[in-house]
Amino acid sequence: MSGKRVDGRSLRYRHRREELLNLVTDYVLEHGIGGLSMRPLATAVGVSHGTLLHHFGSKEKLVTDVVAGLRGRLADAADAAAGSGIGGLSGWWARSTMPRHLPVYRVLFEVYTQAVREPDRYERYLREAVADAHAVIEQLVVADGCPAERVPAVASMIVAQARGLQLELLATGDHDRVDRAFTLFIDAVNGMVRAGSGKN
C-alpha cells in the first residue's frame, strides 16, 4: 500500500466526466460554439449548470477539452502519415478530409477564430493547436531530408496551406478542385525540399 488516500468522489465522477464530455462534444458538433452558454448547454445534455462547472470549471476550459477530443478524432490520419515523408501527406489529406471529419474541422476553425480574438482565454488551445500541427509536419519534413535550418519554415508553410485548403473545402464543398490544389502544393514542396537537401 502506498498510503496515498484515494478520493472516492473523484473515482465516482471519473467516468461521468467522460460521458458528459462526449455529450457536450456531440452538441458542439451540431450547434457550434457561437453563443454557447453553460446553462442552456447543461439543460441540453441533461445535467445541472453546477455539474458542468464541477467537471470543467469554465466555458473556456470545456471548449478546450472538447477541441482536444475532436483533434483526437483526426489522429488516425496523422498517425498513418508518421515517418513517411512529405509524400505521405497525400494519404493524410485524403483520410483527414473524409465527410465524417468535416464537421470536426468546422468546429476547429470556429474555435481557432475565437481563440485568436481572445488569446488570453484560450491560451492552452492556441498553444496545443499550433505545437501539435507543427510537430507532425516537422517529422515528415525531416524524414524527407530537409536541412534542419529550413524545417520550421517549411513546416509552417505546409500547415498554413493545409488550413487554408481545409477552409476552402468547408466553404465550397468542391472536393475535387481542393484535392487537386493540395496535390499541386505538395508536389511543389517536395521539389523544393529535395532541391534544398541535394536529392534528385
C-alpha atoms as a PDB file:
ATOM      1  CA  MET A   1       0.000   0.000   0.000  1.00  0.00           C
ATOM      2  CA  SER A   2       1.354   3.401  -0.902  1.00  0.00           C
ATOM      3  CA  GLY A   3      -0.584   5.143   1.856  1.00  0.00           C
ATOM      4  CA  LYS A   4      -1.896   7.681  -0.653  1.00  0.00           C
ATOM      5  CA  ARG A   5      -5.531   8.462   0.036  1.00  0.00           C
ATOM      6  CA  VAL A   6      -7.929   7.821  -2.840  1.00  0.00           C
ATOM      7  CA  ASP A   7     -10.553  10.486  -3.412  1.00  0.00           C
ATOM      8  CA  GLY A   8     -13.748   8.463  -3.583  1.00  0.00           C
ATOM      9  CA  ARG A   9     -15.688  11.330  -5.135  1.00  0.00           C
ATOM     10  CA  SER A  10     -13.142  11.654  -7.940  1.00  0.00           C
ATOM     11  CA  LEU A  11     -13.416   7.948  -8.667  1.00  0.00           C
ATOM     12  CA  ARG A  12     -17.208   8.139  -8.666  1.00  0.00           C
ATOM     13  CA  TYR A  13     -17.304  11.009 -11.163  1.00  0.00           C
ATOM     14  CA  ARG A  14     -14.358   9.959 -13.329  1.00  0.00           C
ATOM     15  CA  HIS A  15     -16.430   8.101 -15.918  1.00  0.00           C
ATOM     16  CA  ARG A  16     -19.290  10.579 -15.632  1.00  0.00           C
ATOM     17  CA  ARG A  17     -16.967  13.334 -16.828  1.00  0.00           C
ATOM     18  CA  GLU A  18     -16.027  11.358 -19.929  1.00  0.00           C
ATOM     19  CA  GLU A  19     -19.694  10.661 -20.613  1.00  0.00           C
ATOM     20  CA  LEU A  20     -20.530  14.355 -20.236  1.00  0.00           C
ATOM     21  CA  LEU A  21     -17.663  15.367 -22.497  1.00  0.00           C
ATOM     22  CA  ASN A  22     -18.976  13.067 -25.227  1.00  0.00           C
ATOM     23  CA  LEU A  23     -22.480  14.565 -24.892  1.00  0.00           C
ATOM     24  CA  VAL A  24     -21.123  18.105 -24.969  1.00  0.00           C
ATOM     25  CA  THR A  25     -18.937  17.283 -27.970  1.00  0.00           C
ATOM     26  CA  ASP A  26     -21.927  15.959 -29.908  1.00  0.00           C
ATOM     27  CA  TYR A  27     -23.836  19.138 -29.032  1.00  0.00           C
ATOM     28  CA  VAL A  28     -20.980  21.377 -30.185  1.00  0.00           C
ATOM     29  CA  LEU A  29     -20.592  19.446 -33.446  1.00  0.00           C
ATOM     30  CA  GLU A  30     -24.256  20.085 -34.186  1.00  0.00           C
ATOM     31  CA  HIS A  31     -24.583  23.664 -32.925  1.00  0.00           C
ATOM     32  CA  GLY A  32     -21.055  25.124 -32.939  1.00  0.00           C
ATOM     33  CA  ILE A  33     -19.695  27.412 -30.217  1.00  0.00           C
ATOM     34  CA  GLY A  34     -21.289  30.664 -31.362  1.00  0.00           C
ATOM     35  CA  GLY A  35     -23.459  31.814 -28.471  1.00  0.00           C
ATOM     36  CA  LEU A  36     -22.545  28.738 -26.443  1.00  0.00           C
ATOM     37  CA  SER A  37     -23.616  29.236 -22.825  1.00  0.00           C
ATOM     38  CA  MET A  38     -23.153  26.856 -19.928  1.00  0.00           C
ATOM     39  CA  ARG A  39     -26.719  26.939 -18.586  1.00  0.00           C
ATOM     40  CA  PRO A  40     -28.502  26.114 -21.869  1.00  0.00           C
ATOM     41  CA  LEU A  41     -25.789  23.566 -22.625  1.00  0.00           C
ATOM     42  CA  ALA A  42     -26.347  21.879 -19.272  1.00  0.00           C
ATOM     43  CA  THR A  43     -30.078  21.660 -19.982  1.00  0.00           C
ATOM     44  CA  ALA A  44     -29.429  20.253 -23.451  1.00  0.00           C
ATOM     45  CA  VAL A  45     -27.239  17.425 -22.143  1.00  0.00           C
ATOM     46  CA  GLY A  46     -29.470  16.726 -19.140  1.00  0.00           C
ATOM     47  CA  VAL A  47     -27.362  17.914 -16.203  1.00  0.00           C
ATOM     48  CA  SER A  48     -27.294  20.920 -13.918  1.00  0.00           C
ATOM     49  CA  HIS A  49     -25.217  24.029 -14.505  1.00  0.00           C
ATOM     50  CA  GLY A  50     -23.306  23.186 -11.321  1.00  0.00           C
ATOM     51  CA  THR A  51     -22.429  19.731 -12.651  1.00  0.00           C
ATOM     52  CA  LEU A  52     -20.834  21.202 -15.756  1.00  0.00           C
ATOM     53  CA  LEU A  53     -18.855  23.668 -13.656  1.00  0.00           C
ATOM     54  CA  HIS A  54     -17.770  20.881 -11.320  1.00  0.00           C
ATOM     55  CA  HIS A  55     -16.336  18.836 -14.177  1.00  0.00           C
ATOM     56  CA  PHE A  56     -14.987  21.540 -16.474  1.00  0.00           C
ATOM     57  CA  GLY A  57     -14.569  24.732 -14.429  1.00  0.00           C
ATOM     58  CA  SER A  58     -15.446  27.258 -17.145  1.00  0.00           C
ATOM     59  CA  LYS A  59     -16.727  27.501 -20.681  1.00  0.00           C
ATOM     60  CA  GLU A  60     -13.221  28.138 -21.998  1.00  0.00           C
ATOM     61  CA  LYS A  61     -11.838  25.036 -20.305  1.00  0.00           C
ATOM     62  CA  LEU A  62     -14.776  22.973 -21.500  1.00  0.00           C
ATOM     63  CA  VAL A  63     -14.297  24.148 -25.098  1.00  0.00           C
ATOM     64  CA  THR A  64     -10.578  23.374 -24.872  1.00  0.00           C
ATOM     65  CA  ASP A  65     -11.368  19.839 -23.669  1.00  0.00           C
ATOM     66  CA  VAL A  66     -13.915  19.394 -26.449  1.00  0.00           C
ATOM     67  CA  VAL A  67     -11.358  20.519 -29.024  1.00  0.00           C
ATOM     68  CA  ALA A  68      -8.733  18.134 -27.641  1.00  0.00           C
ATOM     69  CA  GLY A  69     -11.185  15.293 -28.141  1.00  0.00           C
ATOM     70  CA  LEU A  70     -12.061  16.436 -31.647  1.00  0.00           C
ATOM     71  CA  ARG A  71      -8.428  16.652 -32.625  1.00  0.00           C
ATOM     72  CA  GLY A  72      -8.060  13.129 -31.292  1.00  0.00           C
ATOM     73  CA  ARG A  73     -10.643  12.011 -33.847  1.00  0.00           C
ATOM     74  CA  LEU A  74      -8.266  13.174 -36.564  1.00  0.00           C
ATOM     75  CA  ALA A  75      -5.235  11.487 -35.016  1.00  0.00           C
ATOM     76  CA  ASP A  76      -5.574   8.283 -37.029  1.00  0.00           C
ATOM     77  CA  ALA A  77      -4.858  10.193 -40.231  1.00  0.00           C
ATOM     78  CA  ALA A  78      -1.778  11.842 -38.712  1.00  0.00           C
ATOM     79  CA  ASP A  79      -0.529   8.546 -37.276  1.00  0.00           C
ATOM     80  CA  ALA A  80      -0.805   6.869 -40.674  1.00  0.00           C
ATOM     81  CA  ALA A  81       1.409   9.542 -42.229  1.00  0.00           C
ATOM     82  CA  ALA A  82       4.047   9.471 -39.481  1.00  0.00           C
ATOM     83  CA  GLY A  83       7.550   8.746 -40.730  1.00  0.00           C
ATOM     84  CA  SER A  84       6.512   8.561 -44.376  1.00  0.00           C
ATOM     85  CA  GLY A  85       7.933  11.887 -45.519  1.00  0.00           C
ATOM     86  CA  ILE A  86       6.143  14.684 -47.318  1.00  0.00           C
ATOM     87  CA  GLY A  87       4.741  12.226 -49.841  1.00  0.00           C
ATOM     88  CA  GLY A  88       2.676  10.747 -47.025  1.00  0.00           C
ATOM     89  CA  LEU A  89       0.700  13.970 -46.783  1.00  0.00           C
ATOM     90  CA  SER A  90      -1.408  12.963 -49.773  1.00  0.00           C
ATOM     91  CA  GLY A  91      -2.768   9.993 -47.840  1.00  0.00           C
ATOM     92  CA  TRP A  92      -3.170  12.121 -44.725  1.00  0.00           C
ATOM     93  CA  TRP A  93      -5.184  14.676 -46.691  1.00  0.00           C
ATOM     94  CA  ALA A  94      -7.470  12.027 -48.184  1.00  0.00           C
ATOM     95  CA  ARG A  95      -8.155  10.430 -44.797  1.00  0.00           C
ATOM     96  CA  SER A  96      -8.492  13.646 -42.790  1.00  0.00           C
ATOM     97  CA  THR A  97     -10.937  15.284 -45.222  1.00  0.00           C
ATOM     98  CA  MET A  98     -13.379  12.397 -45.410  1.00  0.00           C
ATOM     99  CA  PRO A  99     -17.001  13.594 -44.990  1.00  0.00           C
ATOM    100  CA  ARG A 100     -17.212  12.353 -41.402  1.00  0.00           C
ATOM    101  CA  HIS A 101     -14.337  14.642 -40.437  1.00  0.00           C
ATOM    102  CA  LEU A 102     -15.652  17.855 -41.978  1.00  0.00           C
ATOM    103  CA  PRO A 103     -17.938  18.764 -39.028  1.00  0.00           C
ATOM    104  CA  VAL A 104     -14.853  18.435 -36.806  1.00  0.00           C
ATOM    105  CA  TYR A 105     -12.914  20.922 -38.929  1.00  0.00           C
ATOM    106  CA  ARG A 106     -15.884  23.283 -38.917  1.00  0.00           C
ATOM    107  CA  VAL A 107     -15.782  23.452 -35.120  1.00  0.00           C
ATOM    108  CA  LEU A 108     -11.980  23.643 -35.008  1.00  0.00           C
ATOM    109  CA  PHE A 109     -11.971  26.669 -37.312  1.00  0.00           C
ATOM    110  CA  GLU A 110     -14.689  28.309 -35.256  1.00  0.00           C
ATOM    111  CA  VAL A 111     -12.715  27.819 -32.050  1.00  0.00           C
ATOM    112  CA  TYR A 112      -9.470  28.904 -33.712  1.00  0.00           C
ATOM    113  CA  THR A 113     -11.064  32.196 -34.755  1.00  0.00           C
ATOM    114  CA  GLN A 114     -12.444  32.756 -31.269  1.00  0.00           C
ATOM    115  CA  ALA A 115      -9.077  31.939 -29.720  1.00  0.00           C
ATOM    116  CA  VAL A 116      -7.268  34.402 -31.972  1.00  0.00           C
ATOM    117  CA  ARG A 117      -9.727  37.090 -30.882  1.00  0.00           C
ATOM    118  CA  GLU A 118      -9.352  36.184 -27.186  1.00  0.00           C
ATOM    119  CA  PRO A 119      -5.884  34.613 -26.807  1.00  0.00           C
ATOM    120  CA  ASP A 120      -5.755  35.023 -23.033  1.00  0.00           C
ATOM    121  CA  ARG A 121      -8.931  33.000 -22.550  1.00  0.00           C
ATOM    122  CA  TYR A 122      -7.890  30.246 -24.965  1.00  0.00           C
ATOM    123  CA  GLU A 123      -4.151  30.194 -24.354  1.00  0.00           C
ATOM    124  CA  ARG A 124      -3.966  26.427 -23.867  1.00  0.00           C
ATOM    125  CA  TYR A 125      -5.888  25.725 -27.071  1.00  0.00           C
ATOM    126  CA  LEU A 126      -3.710  28.015 -29.182  1.00  0.00           C
ATOM    127  CA  ARG A 127      -0.517  26.582 -27.727  1.00  0.00           C
ATOM    128  CA  GLU A 128      -1.568  22.976 -28.308  1.00  0.00           C
ATOM    129  CA  ALA A 129      -3.130  23.547 -31.730  1.00  0.00           C
ATOM    130  CA  VAL A 130      -0.030  25.227 -33.100  1.00  0.00           C
ATOM    131  CA  ALA A 131       2.526  22.947 -31.439  1.00  0.00           C
ATOM    132  CA  ASP A 132       0.797  19.681 -32.378  1.00  0.00           C
ATOM    133  CA  ALA A 133       0.259  20.597 -36.014  1.00  0.00           C
ATOM    134  CA  HIS A 134       3.841  21.753 -36.466  1.00  0.00           C
ATOM    135  CA  ALA A 135       5.287  18.730 -34.669  1.00  0.00           C
ATOM    136  CA  VAL A 136       3.546  16.287 -37.025  1.00  0.00           C
ATOM    137  CA  ILE A 137       4.596  18.138 -40.187  1.00  0.00           C
ATOM    138  CA  GLU A 138       8.160  18.728 -38.993  1.00  0.00           C
ATOM    139  CA  GLN A 139       8.595  14.963 -38.576  1.00  0.00           C
ATOM    140  CA  LEU A 140       7.552  14.420 -42.193  1.00  0.00           C
ATOM    141  CA  VAL A 141       9.827  17.180 -43.461  1.00  0.00           C
ATOM    142  CA  VAL A 142      12.792  15.814 -41.511  1.00  0.00           C
ATOM    143  CA  ALA A 143      12.091  12.316 -42.872  1.00  0.00           C
ATOM    144  CA  ASP A 144      12.497  13.752 -46.376  1.00  0.00           C
ATOM    145  CA  GLY A 145      15.936  15.115 -45.541  1.00  0.00           C
ATOM    146  CA  CYS A 146      15.077  18.799 -45.344  1.00  0.00           C
ATOM    147  CA  PRO A 147      18.022  20.797 -43.934  1.00  0.00           C
ATOM    148  CA  ALA A 148      17.453  21.414 -40.224  1.00  0.00           C
ATOM    149  CA  GLU A 149      17.546  25.191 -40.527  1.00  0.00           C
ATOM    150  CA  ARG A 150      14.682  25.114 -43.060  1.00  0.00           C
ATOM    151  CA  VAL A 151      12.430  22.640 -41.249  1.00  0.00           C
ATOM    152  CA  PRO A 152      10.399  25.142 -39.149  1.00  0.00           C
ATOM    153  CA  ALA A 153       9.708  27.426 -42.108  1.00  0.00           C
ATOM    154  CA  VAL A 154       8.761  24.583 -44.463  1.00  0.00           C
ATOM    155  CA  ALA A 155       6.503  23.042 -41.821  1.00  0.00           C
ATOM    156  CA  SER A 156       4.835  26.410 -41.196  1.00  0.00           C
ATOM    157  CA  MET A 157       4.171  26.792 -44.915  1.00  0.00           C
ATOM    158  CA  ILE A 158       2.586  23.332 -45.142  1.00  0.00           C
ATOM    159  CA  VAL A 159       0.426  23.842 -42.048  1.00  0.00           C
ATOM    160  CA  ALA A 160      -0.800  27.221 -43.299  1.00  0.00           C
ATOM    161  CA  GLN A 161      -1.604  25.896 -46.783  1.00  0.00           C
ATOM    162  CA  ALA A 162      -3.402  22.845 -45.407  1.00  0.00           C
ATOM    163  CA  ARG A 163      -5.523  25.024 -43.128  1.00  0.00           C
ATOM    164  CA  GLY A 164      -6.354  27.349 -45.987  1.00  0.00           C
ATOM    165  CA  LEU A 165      -7.453  24.493 -48.230  1.00  0.00           C
ATOM    166  CA  GLN A 166      -9.448  22.884 -45.415  1.00  0.00           C
ATOM    167  CA  LEU A 167     -11.306  26.158 -45.019  1.00  0.00           C
ATOM    168  CA  GLU A 168     -11.802  26.371 -48.790  1.00  0.00           C
ATOM    169  CA  LEU A 169     -13.256  22.870 -48.753  1.00  0.00           C
ATOM    170  CA  LEU A 170     -15.684  23.763 -45.974  1.00  0.00           C
ATOM    171  CA  ALA A 171     -16.722  26.946 -47.748  1.00  0.00           C
ATOM    172  CA  THR A 172     -17.218  25.478 -51.225  1.00  0.00           C
ATOM    173  CA  GLY A 173     -17.657  21.736 -50.864  1.00  0.00           C
ATOM    174  CA  ASP A 174     -15.623  21.361 -54.061  1.00  0.00           C
ATOM    175  CA  HIS A 175     -13.621  18.328 -53.015  1.00  0.00           C
ATOM    176  CA  ASP A 176     -12.136  17.555 -56.441  1.00  0.00           C
ATOM    177  CA  ARG A 177     -10.753  21.039 -57.021  1.00  0.00           C
ATOM    178  CA  VAL A 178      -9.374  21.408 -53.493  1.00  0.00           C
ATOM    179  CA  ASP A 179      -7.806  17.943 -53.636  1.00  0.00           C
ATOM    180  CA  ARG A 180      -6.036  18.843 -56.876  1.00  0.00           C
ATOM    181  CA  ALA A 181      -4.790  22.081 -55.325  1.00  0.00           C
ATOM    182  CA  PHE A 182      -3.360  20.190 -52.349  1.00  0.00           C
ATOM    183  CA  THR A 183      -1.637  17.691 -54.649  1.00  0.00           C
ATOM    184  CA  LEU A 184      -0.052  20.500 -56.672  1.00  0.00           C
ATOM    185  CA  PHE A 185       1.135  22.177 -53.500  1.00  0.00           C
ATOM    186  CA  ILE A 186       2.703  19.013 -52.094  1.00  0.00           C
ATOM    187  CA  ASP A 187       4.446  18.327 -55.414  1.00  0.00           C
ATOM    188  CA  ALA A 188       5.919  21.835 -55.299  1.00  0.00           C
ATOM    189  CA  VAL A 189       7.057  21.451 -51.686  1.00  0.00           C
ATOM    190  CA  ASN A 190       8.565  18.051 -52.433  1.00  0.00           C
ATOM    191  CA  GLY A 191      10.618  19.534 -55.249  1.00  0.00           C
ATOM    192  CA  MET A 192      11.734  22.444 -53.094  1.00  0.00           C
ATOM    193  CA  VAL A 193      12.775  20.204 -50.189  1.00  0.00           C
ATOM    194  CA  ARG A 194      14.620  17.786 -52.464  1.00  0.00           C
ATOM    195  CA  ALA A 195      16.452  20.651 -54.126  1.00  0.00           C
ATOM    196  CA  GLY A 196      17.452  22.037 -50.754  1.00  0.00           C
ATOM    197  CA  SER A 197      18.640  18.659 -49.491  1.00  0.00           C
ATOM    198  CA  GLY A 198      20.631  17.861 -52.622  1.00  0.00           C
ATOM    199  CA  LYS A 199      18.377  14.944 -53.660  1.00  0.00           C
ATOM    200  CA  ASN A 200      17.488  14.412 -57.308  1.00  0.00           C
END
